[in-house]
């Protein structure tokens, strides 16, 4: 009974993927295809692992581990596709990023201001 429910959910995931990709191709609007498919694949991998666990009596077998690894890889691929660097901050790769023109521009957008340079001591 429980595996039948998991199978029905897996069929619904496949139908959802087909419908969303078809909508994207026909209208040009909607979710980006690659992250969407990675997200649905990770959910399908977890549901497949649940189905294997229910049918094998909860025994930890190679099929269960393979499905969990597949779900992890699909999730990491989705994160890699969706991860974007901040658009308004300078790259933090250089020690001298603060001395470049416009380096503190992102502070001004958030209402904060960088500290003014301290005055140098008078020379005798």
PDB file of N, CA and C in Angstrom:
ATOM      1  N   UNK A   1       0.813  -1.191   0.000  1.00  0.00           N
ATOM      2  CA  UNK A   1       0.000   0.000   0.000  1.00  0.00           C
ATOM      3  C   UNK A   1       0.860   1.260   0.000  1.00  0.00           C
ATOM      4  N   UNK A   2       1.887   1.300   0.859  1.00  0.00           N
ATOM      5  CA  UNK A   2       2.721   2.489   0.951  1.00  0.00           C
ATOM      6  C   UNK A   2       3.553   2.677  -0.315  1.00  0.00           C
ATOM      7  N   UNK A   3       4.030   1.554  -0.908  1.00  0.00           N
ATOM      8  CA  UNK A   3       4.816   1.686  -2.135  1.00  0.00           C
ATOM      9  C   UNK A   3       3.946   2.162  -3.295  1.00  0.00           C
ATOM     10  N   UNK A   4       2.664   1.831  -3.264  1.00  0.00           N
ATOM     11  CA  UNK A   4       1.754   2.304  -4.310  1.00  0.00           C
ATOM     12  C   UNK A   4       1.583   3.819  -4.219  1.00  0.00           C
ATOM     13  N   UNK A   5       1.522   4.333  -3.018  1.00  0.00           N
ATOM     14  CA  UNK A   5       1.417   5.773  -2.825  1.00  0.00           C
ATOM     15  C   UNK A   5       2.682   6.476  -3.308  1.00  0.00           C
ATOM     16  N   UNK A   6       3.844   5.906  -3.001  1.00  0.00           N
ATOM     17  CA  UNK A   6       5.104   6.484  -3.462  1.00  0.00           C
ATOM     18  C   UNK A   6       5.167   6.451  -4.988  1.00  0.00           C
ATOM     19  N   UNK A   7       4.703   5.358  -5.592  1.00  0.00           N
ATOM     20  CA  UNK A   7       4.678   5.263  -7.057  1.00  0.00           C
ATOM     21  C   UNK A   7       3.769   6.337  -7.658  1.00  0.00           C
ATOM     22  N   UNK A   8       2.643   6.592  -7.035  1.00  0.00           N
ATOM     23  CA  UNK A   8       1.731   7.618  -7.530  1.00  0.00           C
ATOM     24  C   UNK A   8       2.366   9.000  -7.439  1.00  0.00           C
ATOM     25  N   UNK A   9       3.099   9.251  -6.377  1.00  0.00           N
ATOM     26  CA  UNK A   9       3.768  10.543  -6.231  1.00  0.00           C
ATOM     27  C   UNK A   9       4.873  10.684  -7.273  1.00  0.00           C
ATOM     28  N   UNK A  10       5.599   9.610  -7.549  1.00  0.00           N
ATOM     29  CA  UNK A  10       6.635   9.652  -8.583  1.00  0.00           C
ATOM     30  C   UNK A  10       6.040   9.941  -9.958  1.00  0.00           C
ATOM     31  N   UNK A  11       4.883   9.343 -10.253  1.00  0.00           N
ATOM     32  CA  UNK A  11       4.201   9.623 -11.519  1.00  0.00           C
ATOM     33  C   UNK A  11       3.778  11.090 -11.570  1.00  0.00           C
ATOM     34  N   UNK A  12       3.309  11.623 -10.455  1.00  0.00           N
ATOM     35  CA  UNK A  12       2.919  13.034 -10.409  1.00  0.00           C
ATOM     36  C   UNK A  12       4.130  13.951 -10.630  1.00  0.00           C
ATOM     37  N   UNK A  13       5.282  13.577 -10.116  1.00  0.00           N
ATOM     38  CA  UNK A  13       6.493  14.370 -10.329  1.00  0.00           C
ATOM     39  C   UNK A  13       6.871  14.374 -11.807  1.00  0.00           C
ATOM     40  N   UNK A  14       6.785  13.214 -12.454  1.00  0.00           N
ATOM     41  CA  UNK A  14       7.106  13.141 -13.885  1.00  0.00           C
ATOM     42  C   UNK A  14       6.111  13.979 -14.690  1.00  0.00           C
ATOM     43  N   UNK A  15       4.826  13.901 -14.340  1.00  0.00           N
ATOM     44  CA  UNK A  15       3.818  14.702 -15.039  1.00  0.00           C
ATOM     45  C   UNK A  15       4.054  16.190 -14.825  1.00  0.00           C
ATOM     46  N   UNK A  16       4.442  16.568 -13.617  1.00  0.00           N
ATOM     47  CA  UNK A  16       4.735  17.973 -13.327  1.00  0.00           C
ATOM     48  C   UNK A  16       5.922  18.458 -14.144  1.00  0.00           C
ATOM     49  N   UNK A  17       6.963  17.634 -14.248  1.00  0.00           N
ATOM     50  CA  UNK A  17       8.140  18.016 -15.028  1.00  0.00           C
ATOM     51  C   UNK A  17       7.773  18.207 -16.496  1.00  0.00           C
ATOM     52  N   UNK A  18       6.991  17.286 -17.042  1.00  0.00           N
ATOM     53  CA  UNK A  18       6.589  17.392 -18.445  1.00  0.00           C
ATOM     54  C   UNK A  18       5.755  18.647 -18.666  1.00  0.00           C
ATOM     55  N   UNK A  19       4.804  18.910 -17.766  1.00  0.00           N
ATOM     56  CA  UNK A  19       3.926  20.069 -17.930  1.00  0.00           C
ATOM     57  C   UNK A  19       4.698  21.382 -17.819  1.00  0.00           C
ATOM     58  N   UNK A  20       5.607  21.493 -16.846  1.00  0.00           N
ATOM     59  CA  UNK A  20       6.342  22.737 -16.665  1.00  0.00           C
ATOM     60  C   UNK A  20       7.346  23.001 -17.785  1.00  0.00           C
ATOM     61  N   UNK A  21       7.994  21.951 -18.267  1.00  0.00           N
ATOM     62  CA  UNK A  21       8.931  22.123 -19.380  1.00  0.00           C
ATOM     63  C   UNK A  21       8.169  22.476 -20.654  1.00  0.00           C
ATOM     64  N   UNK A  22       7.033  21.836 -20.887  1.00  0.00           N
ATOM     65  CA  UNK A  22       6.221  22.159 -22.069  1.00  0.00           C
ATOM     66  C   UNK A  22       5.723  23.604 -22.003  1.00  0.00           C
ATOM     67  N   UNK A  23       5.286  24.045 -20.845  1.00  0.00           N
ATOM     68  CA  UNK A  23       4.833  25.433 -20.690  1.00  0.00           C
ATOM     69  C   UNK A  23       5.975  26.400 -20.965  1.00  0.00           C
ATOM     70  N   UNK A  24       7.157  26.079 -20.463  1.00  0.00           N
ATOM     71  CA  UNK A  24       8.318  26.942 -20.669  1.00  0.00           C
ATOM     72  C   UNK A  24       8.669  27.031 -22.150  1.00  0.00           C
ATOM     73  N   UNK A  25       8.609  25.901 -22.843  1.00  0.00           N
ATOM     74  CA  UNK A  25       8.962  25.906 -24.271  1.00  0.00           C
ATOM     75  C   UNK A  25       7.919  26.622 -25.116  1.00  0.00           C
ATOM     76  N   UNK A  26       6.656  26.497 -24.759  1.00  0.00           N
ATOM     77  CA  UNK A  26       5.609  27.120 -25.567  1.00  0.00           C
ATOM     78  C   UNK A  26       5.496  28.611 -25.315  1.00  0.00           C
ATOM     79  N   UNK A  27       5.619  29.042 -24.056  1.00  0.00           N
ATOM     80  CA  UNK A  27       5.381  30.448 -23.743  1.00  0.00           C
ATOM     81  C   UNK A  27       6.664  31.246 -23.535  1.00  0.00           C
ATOM     82  N   UNK A  28       7.750  30.599 -23.208  1.00  0.00           N
ATOM     83  CA  UNK A  28       8.984  31.311 -22.903  1.00  0.00           C
ATOM     84  C   UNK A  28       9.013  31.836 -21.480  1.00  0.00           C
ATOM     85  N   UNK A  29       7.917  31.722 -20.760  1.00  0.00           N
ATOM     86  CA  UNK A  29       7.843  32.166 -19.367  1.00  0.00           C
ATOM     87  C   UNK A  29       7.918  30.936 -18.461  1.00  0.00           C
ATOM     88  N   UNK A  30       7.998  31.191 -17.187  1.00  0.00           N
ATOM     89  CA  UNK A  30       8.015  30.089 -16.231  1.00  0.00           C
ATOM     90  C   UNK A  30       9.394  29.883 -15.641  1.00  0.00           C
ATOM     91  N   UNK A  31       9.563  28.761 -15.001  1.00  0.00           N
ATOM     92  CA  UNK A  31      10.812  28.457 -14.303  1.00  0.00           C
ATOM     93  C   UNK A  31      11.897  28.038 -15.278  1.00  0.00           C
ATOM     94  N   UNK A  32      13.141  28.319 -14.918  1.00  0.00           N
ATOM     95  CA  UNK A  32      14.272  27.868 -15.726  1.00  0.00           C
ATOM     96  C   UNK A  32      14.303  26.345 -15.715  1.00  0.00           C
ATOM     97  N   UNK A  33      14.595  25.759 -16.866  1.00  0.00           N
ATOM     98  CA  UNK A  33      14.443  24.318 -17.034  1.00  0.00           C
ATOM     99  C   UNK A  33      15.469  23.508 -16.243  1.00  0.00           C
ATOM    100  N   UNK A  34      16.735  23.864 -16.329  1.00  0.00           N
ATOM    101  CA  UNK A  34      17.768  23.042 -15.692  1.00  0.00           C
ATOM    102  C   UNK A  34      17.624  22.985 -14.161  1.00  0.00           C
ATOM    103  N   UNK A  35      17.467  24.116 -13.456  1.00  0.00           N
ATOM    104  CA  UNK A  35      17.288  24.008 -12.004  1.00  0.00           C
ATOM    105  C   UNK A  35      15.992  23.293 -11.628  1.00  0.00           C
ATOM    106  N   UNK A  36      14.951  23.480 -12.439  1.00  0.00           N
ATOM    107  CA  UNK A  36      13.694  22.801 -12.161  1.00  0.00           C
ATOM    108  C   UNK A  36      13.865  21.286 -12.235  1.00  0.00           C
ATOM    109  N   UNK A  37      14.513  20.819 -13.299  1.00  0.00           N
ATOM    110  CA  UNK A  37      14.698  19.376 -13.449  1.00  0.00           C
ATOM    111  C   UNK A  37      15.617  18.808 -12.377  1.00  0.00           C
ATOM    112  N   UNK A  38      16.622  19.570 -11.966  1.00  0.00           N
ATOM    113  CA  UNK A  38      17.489  19.105 -10.873  1.00  0.00           C
ATOM    114  C   UNK A  38      16.707  19.003  -9.565  1.00  0.00           C
ATOM    115  N   UNK A  39      15.850  19.977  -9.309  1.00  0.00           N
ATOM    116  CA  UNK A  39      15.048  19.955  -8.091  1.00  0.00           C
ATOM    117  C   UNK A  39      14.095  18.761  -8.083  1.00  0.00           C
ATOM    118  N   UNK A  40      13.420  18.549  -9.204  1.00  0.00           N
ATOM    119  CA  UNK A  40      12.491  17.416  -9.273  1.00  0.00           C
ATOM    120  C   UNK A  40      13.235  16.082  -9.220  1.00  0.00           C
ATOM    121  N   UNK A  41      14.428  16.033  -9.804  1.00  0.00           N
ATOM    122  CA  UNK A  41      15.208  14.793  -9.766  1.00  0.00           C
ATOM    123  C   UNK A  41      15.659  14.468  -8.345  1.00  0.00           C
ATOM    124  N   UNK A  42      16.024  15.483  -7.574  1.00  0.00           N
ATOM    125  CA  UNK A  42      16.432  15.197  -6.196  1.00  0.00           C
ATOM    126  C   UNK A  42      15.248  14.694  -5.375  1.00  0.00           C
ATOM    127  N   UNK A  43      14.067  15.276  -5.583  1.00  0.00           N
ATOM    128  CA  UNK A  43      12.876  14.780  -4.887  1.00  0.00           C
ATOM    129  C   UNK A  43      12.513  13.376  -5.318  1.00  0.00           C
ATOM    130  N   UNK A  44      12.657  13.104  -6.619  1.00  0.00           N
ATOM    131  CA  UNK A  44      12.361  11.754  -7.112  1.00  0.00           C
ATOM    132  C   UNK A  44      13.364  10.744  -6.560  1.00  0.00           C
ATOM    133  N   UNK A  45      14.613  11.152  -6.424  1.00  0.00           N
ATOM    134  CA  UNK A  45      15.608  10.253  -5.836  1.00  0.00           C
ATOM    135  C   UNK A  45      15.295   9.921  -4.386  1.00  0.00           C
ATOM    136  N   UNK A  46      14.850  10.913  -3.635  1.00  0.00           N
ATOM    137  CA  UNK A  46      14.470  10.658  -2.241  1.00  0.00           C
ATOM    138  C   UNK A  46      13.241   9.766  -2.152  1.00  0.00           C
ATOM    139  N   UNK A  47      12.281  10.003  -3.041  1.00  0.00           N
ATOM    140  CA  UNK A  47      11.099   9.135  -3.040  1.00  0.00           C
ATOM    141  C   UNK A  47      11.448   7.717  -3.477  1.00  0.00           C
ATOM    142  N   UNK A  48      12.360   7.599  -4.429  1.00  0.00           N
ATOM    143  CA  UNK A  48      12.811   6.257  -4.822  1.00  0.00           C
ATOM    144  C   UNK A  48      13.507   5.543  -3.677  1.00  0.00           C
ATOM    145  N   UNK A  49      14.304   6.285  -2.917  1.00  0.00           N
ATOM    146  CA  UNK A  49      14.957   5.684  -1.751  1.00  0.00           C
ATOM    147  C   UNK A  49      13.927   5.269  -0.706  1.00  0.00           C
ATOM    148  N   UNK A  50      12.886   6.078  -0.536  1.00  0.00           N
ATOM    149  CA  UNK A  50      11.813   5.707   0.388  1.00  0.00           C
ATOM    150  C   UNK A  50      11.108   4.438  -0.068  1.00  0.00           C
ATOM    151  N   UNK A  51      10.873   4.345  -1.369  1.00  0.00           N
ATOM    152  CA  UNK A  51      10.204   3.147  -1.905  1.00  0.00           C
ATOM    153  C   UNK A  51      11.058   1.900  -1.686  1.00  0.00           C
ATOM    154  N   UNK A  52      12.359   2.011  -1.940  1.00  0.00           N
ATOM    155  CA  UNK A  52      13.261   0.875  -1.726  1.00  0.00           C
ATOM    156  C   UNK A  52      13.295   0.497  -0.249  1.00  0.00           C
ATOM    157  N   UNK A  53      13.335   1.491   0.628  1.00  0.00           N
ATOM    158  CA  UNK A  53      13.372   1.211   2.067  1.00  0.00           C
ATOM    159  C   UNK A  53      12.089   0.537   2.528  1.00  0.00           C
ATOM    160  N   UNK A  54      10.949   0.955   1.978  1.00  0.00           N
ATOM    161  CA  UNK A  54       9.683   0.333   2.365  1.00  0.00           C
ATOM    162  C   UNK A  54       9.551  -1.078   1.825  1.00  0.00           C
ATOM    163  N   UNK A  55      10.046  -1.313   0.630  1.00  0.00           N
ATOM    164  CA  UNK A  55       9.886  -2.637   0.040  1.00  0.00           C
ATOM    165  C   UNK A  55      10.915  -3.635   0.556  1.00  0.00           C
ATOM    166  N   UNK A  56      12.095  -3.169   0.976  1.00  0.00           N
ATOM    167  CA  UNK A  56      13.131  -4.070   1.492  1.00  0.00           C
ATOM    168  C   UNK A  56      13.077  -4.219   3.003  1.00  0.00           C
ATOM    169  N   UNK A  57      12.094  -3.682   3.639  1.00  0.00           N
ATOM    170  CA  UNK A  57      11.984  -3.795   5.081  1.00  0.00           C
ATOM    171  C   UNK A  57      12.953  -2.891   5.827  1.00  0.00           C
ATOM    172  N   UNK A  58      13.398  -1.810   5.205  1.00  0.00           N
ATOM    173  CA  UNK A  58      14.278  -0.866   5.869  1.00  0.00           C
ATOM    174  C   UNK A  58      15.733  -1.271   5.878  1.00  0.00           C
ATOM    175  N   UNK A  59      16.075  -2.309   5.103  1.00  0.00           N
ATOM    176  CA  UNK A  59      17.458  -2.764   5.058  1.00  0.00           C
ATOM    177  C   UNK A  59      18.301  -1.786   4.242  1.00  0.00           C
ATOM    178  N   UNK A  60      19.497  -1.497   4.697  1.00  0.00           N
ATOM    179  CA  UNK A  60      20.386  -0.571   4.009  1.00  0.00           C
ATOM    180  C   UNK A  60      21.116  -1.331   2.908  1.00  0.00           C
ATOM    181  N   UNK A  61      20.658  -1.160   1.678  1.00  0.00           N
ATOM    182  CA  UNK A  61      21.252  -1.887   0.559  1.00  0.00           C
ATOM    183  C   UNK A  61      21.875  -0.948  -0.451  1.00  0.00           C
ATOM    184  N   UNK A  62      22.508  -1.512  -1.479  1.00  0.00           N
ATOM    185  CA  UNK A  62      23.175  -0.676  -2.477  1.00  0.00           C
ATOM    186  C   UNK A  62      22.193   0.177  -3.291  1.00  0.00           C
ATOM    187  N   UNK A  63      20.988  -0.321  -3.521  1.00  0.00           N
ATOM    188  CA  UNK A  63      20.011   0.472  -4.280  1.00  0.00           C
ATOM    189  C   UNK A  63      19.592   1.710  -3.486  1.00  0.00           C
ATOM    190  N   UNK A  64      19.401   1.537  -2.203  1.00  0.00           N
ATOM    191  CA  UNK A  64      19.024   2.667  -1.354  1.00  0.00           C
ATOM    192  C   UNK A  64      20.143   3.710  -1.317  1.00  0.00           C
ATOM    193  N   UNK A  65      21.369   3.254  -1.151  1.00  0.00           N
ATOM    194  CA  UNK A  65      22.504   4.170  -1.115  1.00  0.00           C
ATOM    195  C   UNK A  65      22.698   4.877  -2.455  1.00  0.00           C
ATOM    196  N   UNK A  66      22.492   4.159  -3.553  1.00  0.00           N
ATOM    197  CA  UNK A  66      22.638   4.769  -4.878  1.00  0.00           C
ATOM    198  C   UNK A  66      21.581   5.850  -5.098  1.00  0.00           C
ATOM    199  N   UNK A  67      20.359   5.593  -4.674  1.00  0.00           N
ATOM    200  CA  UNK A  67      19.303   6.593  -4.839  1.00  0.00           C
ATOM    201  C   UNK A  67      19.538   7.814  -3.954  1.00  0.00           C
ATOM    202  N   UNK A  68      20.027   7.608  -2.754  1.00  0.00           N
ATOM    203  CA  UNK A  68      20.353   8.746  -1.886  1.00  0.00           C
ATOM    204  C   UNK A  68      21.513   9.557  -2.465  1.00  0.00           C
ATOM    205  N   UNK A  69      22.517   8.875  -3.026  1.00  0.00           N
ATOM    206  CA  UNK A  69      23.631   9.588  -3.655  1.00  0.00           C
ATOM    207  C   UNK A  69      23.153  10.362  -4.879  1.00  0.00           C
ATOM    208  N   UNK A  70      22.241   9.771  -5.651  1.00  0.00           N
ATOM    209  CA  UNK A  70      21.669  10.464  -6.812  1.00  0.00           C
ATOM    210  C   UNK A  70      20.919  11.718  -6.370  1.00  0.00           C
ATOM    211  N   UNK A  71      20.138  11.609  -5.308  1.00  0.00           N
ATOM    212  CA  UNK A  71      19.395  12.766  -4.803  1.00  0.00           C
ATOM    213  C   UNK A  71      20.350  13.864  -4.338  1.00  0.00           C
ATOM    214  N   UNK A  72      21.428  13.480  -3.684  1.00  0.00           N
ATOM    215  CA  UNK A  72      22.417  14.460  -3.237  1.00  0.00           C
ATOM    216  C   UNK A  72      23.070  15.163  -4.423  1.00  0.00           C
ATOM    217  N   UNK A  73      23.460  14.408  -5.428  1.00  0.00           N
ATOM    218  CA  UNK A  73      24.097  15.003  -6.601  1.00  0.00           C
ATOM    219  C   UNK A  73      23.145  15.946  -7.335  1.00  0.00           C
ATOM    220  N   UNK A  74      21.887  15.555  -7.462  1.00  0.00           N
ATOM    221  CA  UNK A  74      20.913  16.425  -8.125  1.00  0.00           C
ATOM    222  C   UNK A  74      20.706  17.704  -7.314  1.00  0.00           C
ATOM    223  N   UNK A  75      20.680  17.581  -6.006  1.00  0.00           N
ATOM    224  CA  UNK A  75      20.511  18.765  -5.153  1.00  0.00           C
ATOM    225  C   UNK A  75      21.718  19.694  -5.267  1.00  0.00           C
ATOM    226  N   UNK A  76      22.923  19.141  -5.269  1.00  0.00           N
ATOM    227  CA  UNK A  76      24.124  19.964  -5.408  1.00  0.00           C
ATOM    228  C   UNK A  76      24.186  20.627  -6.778  1.00  0.00           C
ATOM    229  N   UNK A  77      23.727  19.922  -7.809  1.00  0.00           N
ATOM    230  CA  UNK A  77      23.681  20.522  -9.146  1.00  0.00           C
ATOM    231  C   UNK A  77      22.698  21.687  -9.178  1.00  0.00           C
ATOM    232  N   UNK A  78      21.575  21.519  -8.507  1.00  0.00           N
ATOM    233  CA  UNK A  78      20.599  22.614  -8.446  1.00  0.00           C
ATOM    234  C   UNK A  78      21.185  23.826  -7.719  1.00  0.00           C
ATOM    235  N   UNK A  79      21.868  23.582  -6.617  1.00  0.00           N
ATOM    236  CA  UNK A  79      22.496  24.690  -5.890  1.00  0.00           C
ATOM    237  C   UNK A  79      23.536  25.394  -6.753  1.00  0.00           C
ATOM    238  N   UNK A  80      24.318  24.618  -7.486  1.00  0.00           N
ATOM    239  CA  UNK A  80      25.338  25.222  -8.349  1.00  0.00           C
ATOM    240  C   UNK A  80      24.693  26.057  -9.452  1.00  0.00           C
ATOM    241  N   UNK A  81      23.563  25.621  -9.965  1.00  0.00           N
ATOM    242  CA  UNK A  81      22.884  26.380 -11.015  1.00  0.00           C
ATOM    243  C   UNK A  81      22.237  27.649 -10.476  1.00  0.00           C
ATOM    244  N   UNK A  82      21.733  27.587  -9.262  1.00  0.00           N
ATOM    245  CA  UNK A  82      21.028  28.745  -8.704  1.00  0.00           C
ATOM    246  C   UNK A  82      21.945  29.723  -7.985  1.00  0.00           C
ATOM    247  N   UNK A  83      23.137  29.304  -7.601  1.00  0.00           N
ATOM    248  CA  UNK A  83      24.043  30.145  -6.837  1.00  0.00           C
ATOM    249  C   UNK A  83      24.538  31.276  -7.726  1.00  0.00           C
ATOM    250  N   UNK A  84      24.408  32.480  -7.249  1.00  0.00           N
ATOM    251  CA  UNK A  84      24.877  33.641  -8.012  1.00  0.00           C
ATOM    252  C   UNK A  84      25.706  34.524  -7.098  1.00  0.00           C
ATOM    253  N   UNK A  85      26.797  35.065  -7.610  1.00  0.00           N
ATOM    254  CA  UNK A  85      27.579  35.974  -6.774  1.00  0.00           C
ATOM    255  C   UNK A  85      26.819  37.262  -6.552  1.00  0.00           C
ATOM    256  N   UNK A  86      27.066  37.949  -5.450  1.00  0.00           N
ATOM    257  CA  UNK A  86      26.388  39.218  -5.222  1.00  0.00           C
ATOM    258  C   UNK A  86      26.751  40.212  -6.323  1.00  0.00           C
ATOM    259  N   UNK A  87      25.765  40.907  -6.807  1.00  0.00           N
ATOM    260  CA  UNK A  87      25.981  41.811  -7.934  1.00  0.00           C
ATOM    261  C   UNK A  87      26.549  43.163  -7.507  1.00  0.00           C
ATOM    262  N   UNK A  88      26.306  43.553  -6.270  1.00  0.00           N
ATOM    263  CA  UNK A  88      26.670  44.905  -5.882  1.00  0.00           C
ATOM    264  C   UNK A  88      27.926  44.980  -5.021  1.00  0.00           C
ATOM    265  N   UNK A  89      28.595  43.873  -4.781  1.00  0.00           N
ATOM    266  CA  UNK A  89      29.812  43.916  -3.978  1.00  0.00           C
ATOM    267  C   UNK A  89      31.019  43.680  -4.870  1.00  0.00           C
ATOM    268  N   UNK A  90      32.122  44.322  -4.547  1.00  0.00           N
ATOM    269  CA  UNK A  90      33.337  44.048  -5.313  1.00  0.00           C
ATOM    270  C   UNK A  90      33.853  42.657  -4.956  1.00  0.00           C
ATOM    271  N   UNK A  91      34.559  42.015  -5.853  1.00  0.00           N
ATOM    272  CA  UNK A  91      35.090  40.690  -5.522  1.00  0.00           C
ATOM    273  C   UNK A  91      36.086  40.785  -4.381  1.00  0.00           C
ATOM    274  N   UNK A  92      36.057  39.818  -3.503  1.00  0.00           N
ATOM    275  CA  UNK A  92      36.920  39.838  -2.322  1.00  0.00           C
ATOM    276  C   UNK A  92      38.214  39.092  -2.574  1.00  0.00           C
ATOM    277  N   UNK A  93      38.674  39.072  -3.812  1.00  0.00           N
ATOM    278  CA  UNK A  93      39.888  38.326  -4.129  1.00  0.00           C
ATOM    279  C   UNK A  93      41.144  39.143  -3.917  1.00  0.00           C
ATOM    280  N   UNK A  94      41.023  40.440  -3.881  1.00  0.00           N
ATOM    281  CA  UNK A  94      42.194  41.291  -3.784  1.00  0.00           C
ATOM    282  C   UNK A  94      42.244  41.969  -2.413  1.00  0.00           C
ATOM    283  N   UNK A  95      43.446  42.101  -1.873  1.00  0.00           N
ATOM    284  CA  UNK A  95      43.592  42.824  -0.606  1.00  0.00           C
ATOM    285  C   UNK A  95      43.359  44.304  -0.802  1.00  0.00           C
ATOM    286  N   UNK A  96      43.542  44.780  -2.012  1.00  0.00           N
ATOM    287  CA  UNK A  96      43.426  46.200  -2.291  1.00  0.00           C
ATOM    288  C   UNK A  96      42.083  46.554  -2.912  1.00  0.00           C
ATOM    289  N   UNK A  97      41.082  45.722  -2.677  1.00  0.00           N
ATOM    290  CA  UNK A  97      39.765  45.989  -3.265  1.00  0.00           C
ATOM    291  C   UNK A  97      39.178  47.290  -2.719  1.00  0.00           C
ATOM    292  N   UNK A  98      39.547  47.637  -1.478  1.00  0.00           N
ATOM    293  CA  UNK A  98      38.992  48.851  -0.886  1.00  0.00           C
ATOM    294  C   UNK A  98      39.567  50.118  -1.511  1.00  0.00           C
ATOM    295  N   UNK A  99      40.762  50.014  -2.071  1.00  0.00           N
ATOM    296  CA  UNK A  99      41.377  51.207  -2.640  1.00  0.00           C
ATOM    297  C   UNK A  99      40.926  51.457  -4.081  1.00  0.00           C
ATOM    298  N   UNK A 100      40.191  50.522  -4.660  1.00  0.00           N
ATOM    299  CA  UNK A 100      39.723  50.714  -6.028  1.00  0.00           C
ATOM    300  C   UNK A 100      38.557  51.686  -6.051  1.00  0.00           C
ATOM    301  N   UNK A 101      38.412  52.448  -7.121  1.00  0.00           N
ATOM    302  CA  UNK A 101      37.298  53.395  -7.198  1.00  0.00           C
ATOM    303  C   UNK A 101      35.960  52.658  -7.183  1.00  0.00           C
ATOM    304  N   UNK A 102      35.047  53.176  -6.407  1.00  0.00           N
ATOM    305  CA  UNK A 102      33.713  52.576  -6.333  1.00  0.00           C
ATOM    306  C   UNK A 102      33.625  51.356  -5.453  1.00  0.00           C
ATOM    307  N   UNK A 103      34.675  51.053  -4.694  1.00  0.00           N
ATOM    308  CA  UNK A 103      34.672  49.839  -3.891  1.00  0.00           C
ATOM    309  C   UNK A 103      33.646  49.901  -2.771  1.00  0.00           C
ATOM    310  N   UNK A 104      33.337  51.098  -2.281  1.00  0.00           N
ATOM    311  CA  UNK A 104      32.381  51.216  -1.185  1.00  0.00           C
ATOM    312  C   UNK A 104      30.990  51.580  -1.678  1.00  0.00           C
ATOM    313  N   UNK A 105      30.754  51.457  -2.953  1.00  0.00           N
ATOM    314  CA  UNK A 105      29.463  51.822  -3.499  1.00  0.00           C
ATOM    315  C   UNK A 105      28.332  50.985  -2.881  1.00  0.00           C
ATOM    316  N   UNK A 106      28.595  49.726  -2.592  1.00  0.00           N
ATOM    317  CA  UNK A 106      27.544  48.880  -2.035  1.00  0.00           C
ATOM    318  C   UNK A 106      27.166  49.313  -0.626  1.00  0.00           C
ATOM    319  N   UNK A 107      28.073  49.973   0.109  1.00  0.00           N
ATOM    320  CA  UNK A 107      27.717  50.482   1.432  1.00  0.00           C
ATOM    321  C   UNK A 107      26.686  51.596   1.321  1.00  0.00           C
ATOM    322  N   UNK A 108      26.855  52.447   0.319  1.00  0.00           N
ATOM    323  CA  UNK A 108      25.946  53.582   0.172  1.00  0.00           C
ATOM    324  C   UNK A 108      24.533  53.134  -0.147  1.00  0.00           C
ATOM    325  N   UNK A 109      24.391  52.054  -0.865  1.00  0.00           N
ATOM    326  CA  UNK A 109      23.050  51.572  -1.193  1.00  0.00           C
ATOM    327  C   UNK A 109      22.311  51.047   0.028  1.00  0.00           C
ATOM    328  N   UNK A 110      23.022  50.640   1.034  1.00  0.00           N
ATOM    329  CA  UNK A 110      22.394  50.090   2.228  1.00  0.00           C
ATOM    330  C   UNK A 110      22.271  51.122   3.344  1.00  0.00           C
ATOM    331  N   UNK A 111      22.627  52.355   3.074  1.00  0.00           N
ATOM    332  CA  UNK A 111      22.466  53.407   4.062  1.00  0.00           C
ATOM    333  C   UNK A 111      23.639  53.562   5.004  1.00  0.00           C
ATOM    334  N   UNK A 112      24.661  52.744   4.885  1.00  0.00           N
ATOM    335  CA  UNK A 112      25.828  52.866   5.753  1.00  0.00           C
ATOM    336  C   UNK A 112      26.915  53.619   5.004  1.00  0.00           C
ATOM    337  N   UNK A 113      27.859  54.103   5.740  1.00  0.00           N
ATOM    338  CA  UNK A 113      28.961  54.832   5.125  1.00  0.00           C
ATOM    339  C   UNK A 113      30.276  54.271   5.634  1.00  0.00           C
ATOM    340  N   UNK A 114      31.269  54.234   4.783  1.00  0.00           N
ATOM    341  CA  UNK A 114      32.586  53.793   5.258  1.00  0.00           C
ATOM    342  C   UNK A 114      33.192  54.849   6.166  1.00  0.00           C
ATOM    343  N   UNK A 115      34.064  54.411   7.038  1.00  0.00           N
ATOM    344  CA  UNK A 115      34.719  55.353   7.943  1.00  0.00           C
ATOM    345  C   UNK A 115      35.649  56.276   7.168  1.00  0.00           C
ATOM    346  N   UNK A 116      35.695  57.506   7.595  1.00  0.00           N
ATOM    347  CA  UNK A 116      36.611  58.469   6.986  1.00  0.00           C
ATOM    348  C   UNK A 116      38.026  58.120   7.419  1.00  0.00           C
ATOM    349  N   UNK A 117      38.993  58.384   6.566  1.00  0.00           N
ATOM    350  CA  UNK A 117      40.375  58.090   6.968  1.00  0.00           C
ATOM    351  C   UNK A 117      40.786  58.973   8.149  1.00  0.00           C
ATOM    352  N   UNK A 118      41.558  58.390   9.033  1.00  0.00           N
ATOM    353  CA  UNK A 118      42.007  59.131  10.203  1.00  0.00           C
ATOM    354  C   UNK A 118      43.064  60.152   9.787  1.00  0.00           C
ATOM    355  N   UNK A 119      43.036  61.333  10.404  1.00  0.00           N
ATOM    356  CA  UNK A 119      44.047  62.348  10.034  1.00  0.00           C
ATOM    357  C   UNK A 119      45.425  61.909  10.462  1.00  0.00           C
ATOM    358  N   UNK A 120      46.369  62.223   9.625  1.00  0.00           N
ATOM    359  CA  UNK A 120      47.758  61.866   9.976  1.00  0.00           C
ATOM    360  C   UNK A 120      48.282  62.873  10.992  1.00  0.00           C
ATOM    361  N   UNK A 121      49.180  62.442  11.860  1.00  0.00           N
ATOM    362  CA  UNK A 121      49.740  63.369  12.865  1.00  0.00           C
ATOM    363  C   UNK A 121      50.581  64.432  12.184  1.00  0.00           C
ATOM    364  N   UNK A 122      50.607  65.626  12.772  1.00  0.00           N
ATOM    365  CA  UNK A 122      51.400  66.714  12.170  1.00  0.00           C
ATOM    366  C   UNK A 122      52.887  66.378  12.196  1.00  0.00           C
ATOM    367  N   UNK A 123      53.559  66.752  11.166  1.00  0.00           N
ATOM    368  CA  UNK A 123      55.001  66.515  11.103  1.00  0.00           C
ATOM    369  C   UNK A 123      55.742  67.730  11.633  1.00  0.00           C
ATOM    370  N   UNK A 124      56.804  67.522  12.395  1.00  0.00           N
ATOM    371  CA  UNK A 124      57.539  68.682  12.980  1.00  0.00           C
ATOM    372  C   UNK A 124      58.381  69.422  11.985  1.00  0.00           C
TER     373      UNK A 124
END
